[in-house]
Amino acid sequence: EPAKTFVLAALNAGKSVVTSNKEMFC
C-alpha cells in the first residue's frame, strides 16, 4: 500500500495496468 489501492483504482477506471511489484502481485 498504497500501490494496491492505486492499481485497483486504475483498473476500475478502465485503464490497463503494468506492474513490477512482486510482493503486491504475489
mmCIF file of all heavy atoms, coordinates in Angstrom:
data_MODEL
# 
_entry.id   MODEL 
# 
loop_
_atom_site.group_PDB 
_atom_site.id 
_atom_site.type_symbol 
_atom_site.label_atom_id 
_atom_site.label_alt_id 
_atom_site.label_comp_id 
_atom_site.label_asym_id 
_atom_site.label_entity_id 
_atom_site.label_seq_id 
_atom_site.pdbx_PDB_ins_code 
_atom_site.Cartn_x 
_atom_site.Cartn_y 
_atom_site.Cartn_z 
_atom_site.occupancy 
_atom_site.B_iso_or_equiv 
_atom_site.pdbx_formal_charge 
_atom_site.auth_seq_id 
_atom_site.auth_comp_id 
_atom_site.auth_asym_id 
_atom_site.auth_atom_id 
_atom_site.pdbx_PDB_model_num 
ATOM 1   N N   . GLU A 1 1  ? 0.839   -1.208  0.000   1.00 0.00 ? 1  GLU A N   1 
ATOM 2   C CA  . GLU A 1 1  ? 0.000   0.000   0.000   1.00 0.00 ? 1  GLU A CA  1 
ATOM 3   C C   . GLU A 1 1  ? 0.875   1.259   0.000   1.00 0.00 ? 1  GLU A C   1 
ATOM 4   O O   . GLU A 1 1  ? 1.937   1.275   0.609   1.00 0.00 ? 1  GLU A O   1 
ATOM 5   C CB  . GLU A 1 1  ? -0.923  0.018   1.226   1.00 0.00 ? 1  GLU A CB  1 
ATOM 6   C CG  . GLU A 1 1  ? -2.068  -0.983  1.172   1.00 0.00 ? 1  GLU A CG  1 
ATOM 7   C CD  . GLU A 1 1  ? -3.095  -0.682  0.089   1.00 0.00 ? 1  GLU A CD  1 
ATOM 8   O OE1 . GLU A 1 1  ? -2.988  0.368   -0.582  1.00 0.00 ? 1  GLU A OE1 1 
ATOM 9   O OE2 . GLU A 1 1  ? -3.996  -1.504  -0.087  1.00 0.00 ? 1  GLU A OE2 1 
ATOM 10  N N   . PRO A 1 2  ? 0.452   2.282   -0.726  1.00 0.00 ? 2  PRO A N   1 
ATOM 11  C CA  . PRO A 1 2  ? -0.837  2.452   -1.415  1.00 0.00 ? 2  PRO A CA  1 
ATOM 12  C C   . PRO A 1 2  ? -0.880  1.860   -2.823  1.00 0.00 ? 2  PRO A C   1 
ATOM 13  O O   . PRO A 1 2  ? -1.851  2.096   -3.549  1.00 0.00 ? 2  PRO A O   1 
ATOM 14  C CB  . PRO A 1 2  ? -0.990  3.962   -1.475  1.00 0.00 ? 2  PRO A CB  1 
ATOM 15  C CG  . PRO A 1 2  ? 0.424   4.454   -1.624  1.00 0.00 ? 2  PRO A CG  1 
ATOM 16  C CD  . PRO A 1 2  ? 1.266   3.528   -0.791  1.00 0.00 ? 2  PRO A CD  1 
ATOM 17  N N   . ALA A 1 3  ? 0.149   1.092   -3.198  1.00 0.00 ? 3  ALA A N   1 
ATOM 18  C CA  . ALA A 1 3  ? 0.218   0.575   -4.571  1.00 0.00 ? 3  ALA A CA  1 
ATOM 19  C C   . ALA A 1 3  ? -1.029  -0.220  -4.954  1.00 0.00 ? 3  ALA A C   1 
ATOM 20  O O   . ALA A 1 3  ? -1.604  -0.014  -6.034  1.00 0.00 ? 3  ALA A O   1 
ATOM 21  C CB  . ALA A 1 3  ? 1.463   -0.286  -4.738  1.00 0.00 ? 3  ALA A CB  1 
ATOM 22  N N   . LYS A 1 4  ? -1.463  -1.110  -4.070  1.00 0.00 ? 4  LYS A N   1 
ATOM 23  C CA  . LYS A 1 4  ? -2.633  -1.936  -4.388  1.00 0.00 ? 4  LYS A CA  1 
ATOM 24  C C   . LYS A 1 4  ? -3.877  -1.069  -4.608  1.00 0.00 ? 4  LYS A C   1 
ATOM 25  O O   . LYS A 1 4  ? -4.629  -1.272  -5.573  1.00 0.00 ? 4  LYS A O   1 
ATOM 26  C CB  . LYS A 1 4  ? -2.879  -2.937  -3.263  1.00 0.00 ? 4  LYS A CB  1 
ATOM 27  C CG  . LYS A 1 4  ? -4.108  -3.804  -3.475  1.00 0.00 ? 4  LYS A CG  1 
ATOM 28  C CD  . LYS A 1 4  ? -4.457  -4.559  -2.197  1.00 0.00 ? 4  LYS A CD  1 
ATOM 29  C CE  . LYS A 1 4  ? -5.844  -5.149  -2.276  1.00 0.00 ? 4  LYS A CE  1 
ATOM 30  N NZ  . LYS A 1 4  ? -6.342  -5.606  -0.972  1.00 0.00 ? 4  LYS A NZ  1 
ATOM 31  N N   . THR A 1 5  ? -4.107  -0.121  -3.733  1.00 0.00 ? 5  THR A N   1 
ATOM 32  C CA  . THR A 1 5  ? -5.264  0.773   -3.860  1.00 0.00 ? 5  THR A CA  1 
ATOM 33  C C   . THR A 1 5  ? -5.214  1.546   -5.177  1.00 0.00 ? 5  THR A C   1 
ATOM 34  O O   . THR A 1 5  ? -6.221  1.697   -5.875  1.00 0.00 ? 5  THR A O   1 
ATOM 35  C CB  . THR A 1 5  ? -5.317  1.747   -2.674  1.00 0.00 ? 5  THR A CB  1 
ATOM 36  O OG1 . THR A 1 5  ? -5.498  1.004   -1.464  1.00 0.00 ? 5  THR A OG1 1 
ATOM 37  C CG2 . THR A 1 5  ? -6.454  2.756   -2.832  1.00 0.00 ? 5  THR A CG2 1 
ATOM 38  N N   . PHE A 1 6  ? -4.035  2.028   -5.532  1.00 0.00 ? 6  PHE A N   1 
ATOM 39  C CA  . PHE A 1 6  ? -3.871  2.786   -6.774  1.00 0.00 ? 6  PHE A CA  1 
ATOM 40  C C   . PHE A 1 6  ? -4.116  1.913   -8.000  1.00 0.00 ? 6  PHE A C   1 
ATOM 41  O O   . PHE A 1 6  ? -4.761  2.344   -8.968  1.00 0.00 ? 6  PHE A O   1 
ATOM 42  C CB  . PHE A 1 6  ? -2.469  3.387   -6.838  1.00 0.00 ? 6  PHE A CB  1 
ATOM 43  C CG  . PHE A 1 6  ? -2.239  4.543   -5.899  1.00 0.00 ? 6  PHE A CG  1 
ATOM 44  C CD1 . PHE A 1 6  ? -3.209  4.943   -4.990  1.00 0.00 ? 6  PHE A CD1 1 
ATOM 45  C CD2 . PHE A 1 6  ? -1.039  5.238   -5.917  1.00 0.00 ? 6  PHE A CD2 1 
ATOM 46  C CE1 . PHE A 1 6  ? -3.006  6.009   -4.121  1.00 0.00 ? 6  PHE A CE1 1 
ATOM 47  C CE2 . PHE A 1 6  ? -0.817  6.309   -5.066  1.00 0.00 ? 6  PHE A CE2 1 
ATOM 48  C CZ  . PHE A 1 6  ? -1.805  6.692   -4.165  1.00 0.00 ? 6  PHE A CZ  1 
ATOM 49  N N   . VAL A 1 7  ? -3.616  0.675   -7.981  1.00 0.00 ? 7  VAL A N   1 
ATOM 50  C CA  . VAL A 1 7  ? -3.809  -0.238  -9.114  1.00 0.00 ? 7  VAL A CA  1 
ATOM 51  C C   . VAL A 1 7  ? -5.282  -0.584  -9.276  1.00 0.00 ? 7  VAL A C   1 
ATOM 52  O O   . VAL A 1 7  ? -5.818  -0.590  -10.396 1.00 0.00 ? 7  VAL A O   1 
ATOM 53  C CB  . VAL A 1 7  ? -2.954  -1.505  -8.945  1.00 0.00 ? 7  VAL A CB  1 
ATOM 54  C CG1 . VAL A 1 7  ? -3.371  -2.585  -9.950  1.00 0.00 ? 7  VAL A CG1 1 
ATOM 55  C CG2 . VAL A 1 7  ? -1.474  -1.180  -9.114  1.00 0.00 ? 7  VAL A CG2 1 
ATOM 56  N N   . LEU A 1 8  ? -5.965  -0.873  -8.175  1.00 0.00 ? 8  LEU A N   1 
ATOM 57  C CA  . LEU A 1 8  ? -7.392  -1.180  -8.249  1.00 0.00 ? 8  LEU A CA  1 
ATOM 58  C C   . LEU A 1 8  ? -8.178  0.014   -8.788  1.00 0.00 ? 8  LEU A C   1 
ATOM 59  O O   . LEU A 1 8  ? -9.113  -0.155  -9.588  1.00 0.00 ? 8  LEU A O   1 
ATOM 60  C CB  . LEU A 1 8  ? -7.917  -1.579  -6.869  1.00 0.00 ? 8  LEU A CB  1 
ATOM 61  C CG  . LEU A 1 8  ? -7.516  -2.964  -6.363  1.00 0.00 ? 8  LEU A CG  1 
ATOM 62  C CD1 . LEU A 1 8  ? -7.928  -3.150  -4.914  1.00 0.00 ? 8  LEU A CD1 1 
ATOM 63  C CD2 . LEU A 1 8  ? -8.149  -4.052  -7.239  1.00 0.00 ? 8  LEU A CD2 1 
ATOM 64  N N   . ALA A 1 9  ? -7.793  1.202   -8.382  1.00 0.00 ? 9  ALA A N   1 
ATOM 65  C CA  . ALA A 1 9  ? -8.470  2.405   -8.884  1.00 0.00 ? 9  ALA A CA  1 
ATOM 66  C C   . ALA A 1 9  ? -8.275  2.539   -10.390 1.00 0.00 ? 9  ALA A C   1 
ATOM 67  O O   . ALA A 1 9  ? -9.228  2.865   -11.123 1.00 0.00 ? 9  ALA A O   1 
ATOM 68  C CB  . ALA A 1 9  ? -7.930  3.643   -8.164  1.00 0.00 ? 9  ALA A CB  1 
ATOM 69  N N   . ALA A 1 10 ? -7.074  2.284   -10.871 1.00 0.00 ? 10 ALA A N   1 
ATOM 70  C CA  . ALA A 1 10 ? -6.803  2.376   -12.311 1.00 0.00 ? 10 ALA A CA  1 
ATOM 71  C C   . ALA A 1 10 ? -7.595  1.334   -13.088 1.00 0.00 ? 10 ALA A C   1 
ATOM 72  O O   . ALA A 1 10 ? -8.195  1.635   -14.133 1.00 0.00 ? 10 ALA A O   1 
ATOM 73  C CB  . ALA A 1 10 ? -5.312  2.212   -12.566 1.00 0.00 ? 10 ALA A CB  1 
ATOM 74  N N   . LEU A 1 11 ? -7.620  0.098   -12.577 1.00 0.00 ? 11 LEU A N   1 
ATOM 75  C CA  . LEU A 1 11 ? -8.368  -0.971  -13.259 1.00 0.00 ? 11 LEU A CA  1 
ATOM 76  C C   . LEU A 1 11 ? -9.856  -0.642  -13.303 1.00 0.00 ? 11 LEU A C   1 
ATOM 77  O O   . LEU A 1 11 ? -10.523 -0.839  -14.334 1.00 0.00 ? 11 LEU A O   1 
ATOM 78  C CB  . LEU A 1 11 ? -8.141  -2.306  -12.550 1.00 0.00 ? 11 LEU A CB  1 
ATOM 79  C CG  . LEU A 1 11 ? -6.719  -2.882  -12.606 1.00 0.00 ? 11 LEU A CG  1 
ATOM 80  C CD1 . LEU A 1 11 ? -6.599  -4.086  -11.671 1.00 0.00 ? 11 LEU A CD1 1 
ATOM 81  C CD2 . LEU A 1 11 ? -6.342  -3.282  -14.033 1.00 0.00 ? 11 LEU A CD2 1 
ATOM 82  N N   . ASN A 1 12 ? -10.383 -0.145  -12.205 1.00 0.00 ? 12 ASN A N   1 
ATOM 83  C CA  . ASN A 1 12 ? -11.810 0.203   -12.158 1.00 0.00 ? 12 ASN A CA  1 
ATOM 84  C C   . ASN A 1 12 ? -12.134 1.404   -13.033 1.00 0.00 ? 12 ASN A C   1 
ATOM 85  O O   . ASN A 1 12 ? -13.290 1.598   -13.430 1.00 0.00 ? 12 ASN A O   1 
ATOM 86  C CB  . ASN A 1 12 ? -12.241 0.479   -10.711 1.00 0.00 ? 12 ASN A CB  1 
ATOM 87  C CG  . ASN A 1 12 ? -12.542 -0.804  -9.950  1.00 0.00 ? 12 ASN A CG  1 
ATOM 88  O OD1 . ASN A 1 12 ? -13.221 -1.688  -10.466 1.00 0.00 ? 12 ASN A OD1 1 
ATOM 89  N ND2 . ASN A 1 12 ? -12.022 -0.903  -8.733  1.00 0.00 ? 12 ASN A ND2 1 
ATOM 90  N N   . ALA A 1 13 ? -11.122 2.192   -13.356 1.00 0.00 ? 13 ALA A N   1 
ATOM 91  C CA  . ALA A 1 13 ? -11.325 3.330   -14.254 1.00 0.00 ? 13 ALA A CA  1 
ATOM 92  C C   . ALA A 1 13 ? -11.175 2.935   -15.719 1.00 0.00 ? 13 ALA A C   1 
ATOM 93  O O   . ALA A 1 13 ? -11.244 3.792   -16.609 1.00 0.00 ? 13 ALA A O   1 
ATOM 94  C CB  . ALA A 1 13 ? -10.324 4.443   -13.909 1.00 0.00 ? 13 ALA A CB  1 
ATOM 95  N N   . GLY A 1 14 ? -10.984 1.644   -15.963 1.00 0.00 ? 14 GLY A N   1 
ATOM 96  C CA  . GLY A 1 14 ? -10.869 1.160   -17.333 1.00 0.00 ? 14 GLY A CA  1 
ATOM 97  C C   . GLY A 1 14 ? -9.483  1.276   -17.928 1.00 0.00 ? 14 GLY A C   1 
ATOM 98  O O   . GLY A 1 14 ? -9.320  1.223   -19.153 1.00 0.00 ? 14 GLY A O   1 
ATOM 99  N N   . LYS A 1 15 ? -8.467  1.428   -17.065 1.00 0.00 ? 15 LYS A N   1 
ATOM 100 C CA  . LYS A 1 15 ? -7.084  1.513   -17.540 1.00 0.00 ? 15 LYS A CA  1 
ATOM 101 C C   . LYS A 1 15 ? -6.413  0.135   -17.396 1.00 0.00 ? 15 LYS A C   1 
ATOM 102 O O   . LYS A 1 15 ? -6.595  -0.542  -16.389 1.00 0.00 ? 15 LYS A O   1 
ATOM 103 C CB  . LYS A 1 15 ? -6.267  2.519   -16.717 1.00 0.00 ? 15 LYS A CB  1 
ATOM 104 C CG  . LYS A 1 15 ? -6.965  3.833   -16.399 1.00 0.00 ? 15 LYS A CG  1 
ATOM 105 C CD  . LYS A 1 15 ? -7.171  4.707   -17.617 1.00 0.00 ? 15 LYS A CD  1 
ATOM 106 C CE  . LYS A 1 15 ? -7.700  6.084   -17.204 1.00 0.00 ? 15 LYS A CE  1 
ATOM 107 N NZ  . LYS A 1 15 ? -8.017  6.942   -18.364 1.00 0.00 ? 15 LYS A NZ  1 
ATOM 108 N N   . SER A 1 16 ? -5.659  -0.262  -18.406 1.00 0.00 ? 16 SER A N   1 
ATOM 109 C CA  . SER A 1 16 ? -4.825  -1.447  -18.246 1.00 0.00 ? 16 SER A CA  1 
ATOM 110 C C   . SER A 1 16 ? -3.663  -1.093  -17.327 1.00 0.00 ? 16 SER A C   1 
ATOM 111 O O   . SER A 1 16 ? -3.274  0.081   -17.204 1.00 0.00 ? 16 SER A O   1 
ATOM 112 C CB  . SER A 1 16 ? -4.299  -1.924  -19.593 1.00 0.00 ? 16 SER A CB  1 
ATOM 113 O OG  . SER A 1 16 ? -5.348  -2.468  -20.383 1.00 0.00 ? 16 SER A OG  1 
ATOM 114 N N   . VAL A 1 17 ? -3.097  -2.112  -16.663 1.00 0.00 ? 17 VAL A N   1 
ATOM 115 C CA  . VAL A 1 17 ? -2.033  -1.875  -15.690 1.00 0.00 ? 17 VAL A CA  1 
ATOM 116 C C   . VAL A 1 17 ? -0.831  -2.756  -16.002 1.00 0.00 ? 17 VAL A C   1 
ATOM 117 O O   . VAL A 1 17 ? -0.971  -3.939  -16.325 1.00 0.00 ? 17 VAL A O   1 
ATOM 118 C CB  . VAL A 1 17 ? -2.523  -2.153  -14.245 1.00 0.00 ? 17 VAL A CB  1 
ATOM 119 C CG1 . VAL A 1 17 ? -1.340  -2.207  -13.266 1.00 0.00 ? 17 VAL A CG1 1 
ATOM 120 C CG2 . VAL A 1 17 ? -3.516  -1.079  -13.811 1.00 0.00 ? 17 VAL A CG2 1 
ATOM 121 N N   . VAL A 1 18 ? 0.351   -2.159  -15.892 1.00 0.00 ? 18 VAL A N   1 
ATOM 122 C CA  . VAL A 1 18 ? 1.624   -2.878  -15.956 1.00 0.00 ? 18 VAL A CA  1 
ATOM 123 C C   . VAL A 1 18 ? 2.322   -2.643  -14.626 1.00 0.00 ? 18 VAL A C   1 
ATOM 124 O O   . VAL A 1 18 ? 2.447   -1.490  -14.189 1.00 0.00 ? 18 VAL A O   1 
ATOM 125 C CB  . VAL A 1 18 ? 2.506   -2.366  -17.117 1.00 0.00 ? 18 VAL A CB  1 
ATOM 126 C CG1 . VAL A 1 18 ? 3.895   -3.003  -17.049 1.00 0.00 ? 18 VAL A CG1 1 
ATOM 127 C CG2 . VAL A 1 18 ? 1.842   -2.660  -18.461 1.00 0.00 ? 18 VAL A CG2 1 
ATOM 128 N N   . THR A 1 19 ? 2.768   -3.704  -13.961 1.00 0.00 ? 19 THR A N   1 
ATOM 129 C CA  . THR A 1 19 ? 3.383   -3.557  -12.646 1.00 0.00 ? 19 THR A CA  1 
ATOM 130 C C   . THR A 1 19 ? 4.687   -4.336  -12.542 1.00 0.00 ? 19 THR A C   1 
ATOM 131 O O   . THR A 1 19 ? 4.857   -5.363  -13.192 1.00 0.00 ? 19 THR A O   1 
ATOM 132 C CB  . THR A 1 19 ? 2.421   -4.004  -11.525 1.00 0.00 ? 19 THR A CB  1 
ATOM 133 O OG1 . THR A 1 19 ? 3.060   -3.828  -10.250 1.00 0.00 ? 19 THR A OG1 1 
ATOM 134 C CG2 . THR A 1 19 ? 2.027   -5.468  -11.675 1.00 0.00 ? 19 THR A CG2 1 
ATOM 135 N N   . SER A 1 20 ? 5.584   -3.825  -11.697 1.00 0.00 ? 20 SER A N   1 
ATOM 136 C CA  . SER A 1 20 ? 6.826   -4.534  -11.370 1.00 0.00 ? 20 SER A CA  1 
ATOM 137 C C   . SER A 1 20 ? 6.830   -4.972  -9.908  1.00 0.00 ? 20 SER A C   1 
ATOM 138 O O   . SER A 1 20 ? 7.843   -5.442  -9.396  1.00 0.00 ? 20 SER A O   1 
ATOM 139 C CB  . SER A 1 20 ? 8.030   -3.618  -11.616 1.00 0.00 ? 20 SER A CB  1 
ATOM 140 O OG  . SER A 1 20 ? 7.988   -2.493  -10.746 1.00 0.00 ? 20 SER A OG  1 
ATOM 141 N N   . ASN A 1 21 ? 5.681   -4.842  -9.253  1.00 0.00 ? 21 ASN A N   1 
ATOM 142 C CA  . ASN A 1 21 ? 5.578   -5.012  -7.807  1.00 0.00 ? 21 ASN A CA  1 
ATOM 143 C C   . ASN A 1 21 ? 5.306   -6.467  -7.443  1.00 0.00 ? 21 ASN A C   1 
ATOM 144 O O   . ASN A 1 21 ? 4.167   -6.904  -7.355  1.00 0.00 ? 21 ASN A O   1 
ATOM 145 C CB  . ASN A 1 21 ? 4.451   -4.114  -7.288  1.00 0.00 ? 21 ASN A CB  1 
ATOM 146 C CG  . ASN A 1 21 ? 4.445   -3.974  -5.791  1.00 0.00 ? 21 ASN A CG  1 
ATOM 147 O OD1 . ASN A 1 21 ? 4.881   -4.854  -5.067  1.00 0.00 ? 21 ASN A OD1 1 
ATOM 148 N ND2 . ASN A 1 21 ? 3.933   -2.847  -5.326  1.00 0.00 ? 21 ASN A ND2 1 
ATOM 149 N N   . LYS A 1 22 ? 6.386   -7.240  -7.191  1.00 0.00 ? 22 LYS A N   1 
ATOM 150 C CA  . LYS A 1 22 ? 6.223   -8.689  -6.978  1.00 0.00 ? 22 LYS A CA  1 
ATOM 151 C C   . LYS A 1 22 ? 5.482   -9.018  -5.679  1.00 0.00 ? 22 LYS A C   1 
ATOM 152 O O   . LYS A 1 22 ? 4.686   -9.941  -5.641  1.00 0.00 ? 22 LYS A O   1 
ATOM 153 C CB  . LYS A 1 22 ? 7.570   -9.404  -7.049  1.00 0.00 ? 22 LYS A CB  1 
ATOM 154 C CG  . LYS A 1 22 ? 8.440   -9.417  -5.807  1.00 0.00 ? 22 LYS A CG  1 
ATOM 155 C CD  . LYS A 1 22 ? 9.269   -8.174  -5.654  1.00 0.00 ? 22 LYS A CD  1 
ATOM 156 C CE  . LYS A 1 22 ? 10.289  -8.039  -6.738  1.00 0.00 ? 22 LYS A CE  1 
ATOM 157 N NZ  . LYS A 1 22 ? 11.158  -6.852  -6.563  1.00 0.00 ? 22 LYS A NZ  1 
ATOM 158 N N   . GLU A 1 23 ? 5.707   -8.255  -4.608  1.00 0.00 ? 23 GLU A N   1 
ATOM 159 C CA  . GLU A 1 23 ? 5.024   -8.571  -3.347  1.00 0.00 ? 23 GLU A CA  1 
ATOM 160 C C   . GLU A 1 23 ? 3.524   -8.329  -3.482  1.00 0.00 ? 23 GLU A C   1 
ATOM 161 O O   . GLU A 1 23 ? 2.715   -9.191  -3.118  1.00 0.00 ? 23 GLU A O   1 
ATOM 162 C CB  . GLU A 1 23 ? 5.585   -7.749  -2.190  1.00 0.00 ? 23 GLU A CB  1 
ATOM 163 C CG  . GLU A 1 23 ? 4.901   -8.073  -0.873  1.00 0.00 ? 23 GLU A CG  1 
ATOM 164 C CD  . GLU A 1 23 ? 5.423   -7.263  0.307   1.00 0.00 ? 23 GLU A CD  1 
ATOM 165 O OE1 . GLU A 1 23 ? 6.271   -6.369  0.095   1.00 0.00 ? 23 GLU A OE1 1 
ATOM 166 O OE2 . GLU A 1 23 ? 4.966   -7.517  1.439   1.00 0.00 ? 23 GLU A OE2 1 
ATOM 167 N N   . MET A 1 24 ? 3.146   -7.169  -3.985  1.00 0.00 ? 24 MET A N   1 
ATOM 168 C CA  . MET A 1 24 ? 1.727   -6.873  -4.143  1.00 0.00 ? 24 MET A CA  1 
ATOM 169 C C   . MET A 1 24 ? 1.058   -7.857  -5.090  1.00 0.00 ? 24 MET A C   1 
ATOM 170 O O   . MET A 1 24 ? -0.022  -8.391  -4.807  1.00 0.00 ? 24 MET A O   1 
ATOM 171 C CB  . MET A 1 24 ? 1.538   -5.452  -4.677  1.00 0.00 ? 24 MET A CB  1 
ATOM 172 C CG  . MET A 1 24 ? 0.083   -5.072  -4.904  1.00 0.00 ? 24 MET A CG  1 
ATOM 173 S SD  . MET A 1 24 ? -0.142  -3.689  -6.040  1.00 0.00 ? 24 MET A SD  1 
ATOM 174 C CE  . MET A 1 24 ? 0.415   -4.381  -7.590  1.00 0.00 ? 24 MET A CE  1 
ATOM 175 N N   . PHE A 1 25 ? 1.724   -8.136  -6.223  1.00 0.00 ? 25 PHE A N   1 
ATOM 176 C CA  . PHE A 1 25 ? 1.110   -9.020  -7.205  1.00 0.00 ? 25 PHE A CA  1 
ATOM 177 C C   . PHE A 1 25 ? 1.012   -10.444 -6.673  1.00 0.00 ? 25 PHE A C   1 
ATOM 178 O O   . PHE A 1 25 ? -0.006  -11.118 -6.857  1.00 0.00 ? 25 PHE A O   1 
ATOM 179 C CB  . PHE A 1 25 ? 1.901   -9.002  -8.511  1.00 0.00 ? 25 PHE A CB  1 
ATOM 180 C CG  . PHE A 1 25 ? 1.173   -9.688  -9.638  1.00 0.00 ? 25 PHE A CG  1 
ATOM 181 C CD1 . PHE A 1 25 ? 0.214   -9.007  -10.363 1.00 0.00 ? 25 PHE A CD1 1 
ATOM 182 C CD2 . PHE A 1 25 ? 1.418   -11.017 -9.932  1.00 0.00 ? 25 PHE A CD2 1 
ATOM 183 C CE1 . PHE A 1 25 ? -0.494  -9.643  -11.381 1.00 0.00 ? 25 PHE A CE1 1 
ATOM 184 C CE2 . PHE A 1 25 ? 0.734   -11.664 -10.947 1.00 0.00 ? 25 PHE A CE2 1 
ATOM 185 C CZ  . PHE A 1 25 ? -0.226  -10.974 -11.672 1.00 0.00 ? 25 PHE A CZ  1 
ATOM 186 N N   . CYS A 1 26 ? 2.063   -10.910 -6.006  1.00 0.00 ? 26 CYS A N   1 
ATOM 187 C CA  . CYS A 1 26 ? 2.035   -12.258 -5.445  1.00 0.00 ? 26 CYS A CA  1 
ATOM 188 C C   . CYS A 1 26 ? 0.885   -12.421 -4.454  1.00 0.00 ? 26 CYS A C   1 
ATOM 189 O O   . CYS A 1 26 ? 0.157   -13.411 -4.494  1.00 0.00 ? 26 CYS A O   1 
ATOM 190 C CB  . CYS A 1 26 ? 3.370   -12.540 -4.756  1.00 0.00 ? 26 CYS A CB  1 
ATOM 191 S SG  . CYS A 1 26 ? 3.371   -13.985 -3.677  1.00 0.00 ? 26 CYS A SG  1 
# 
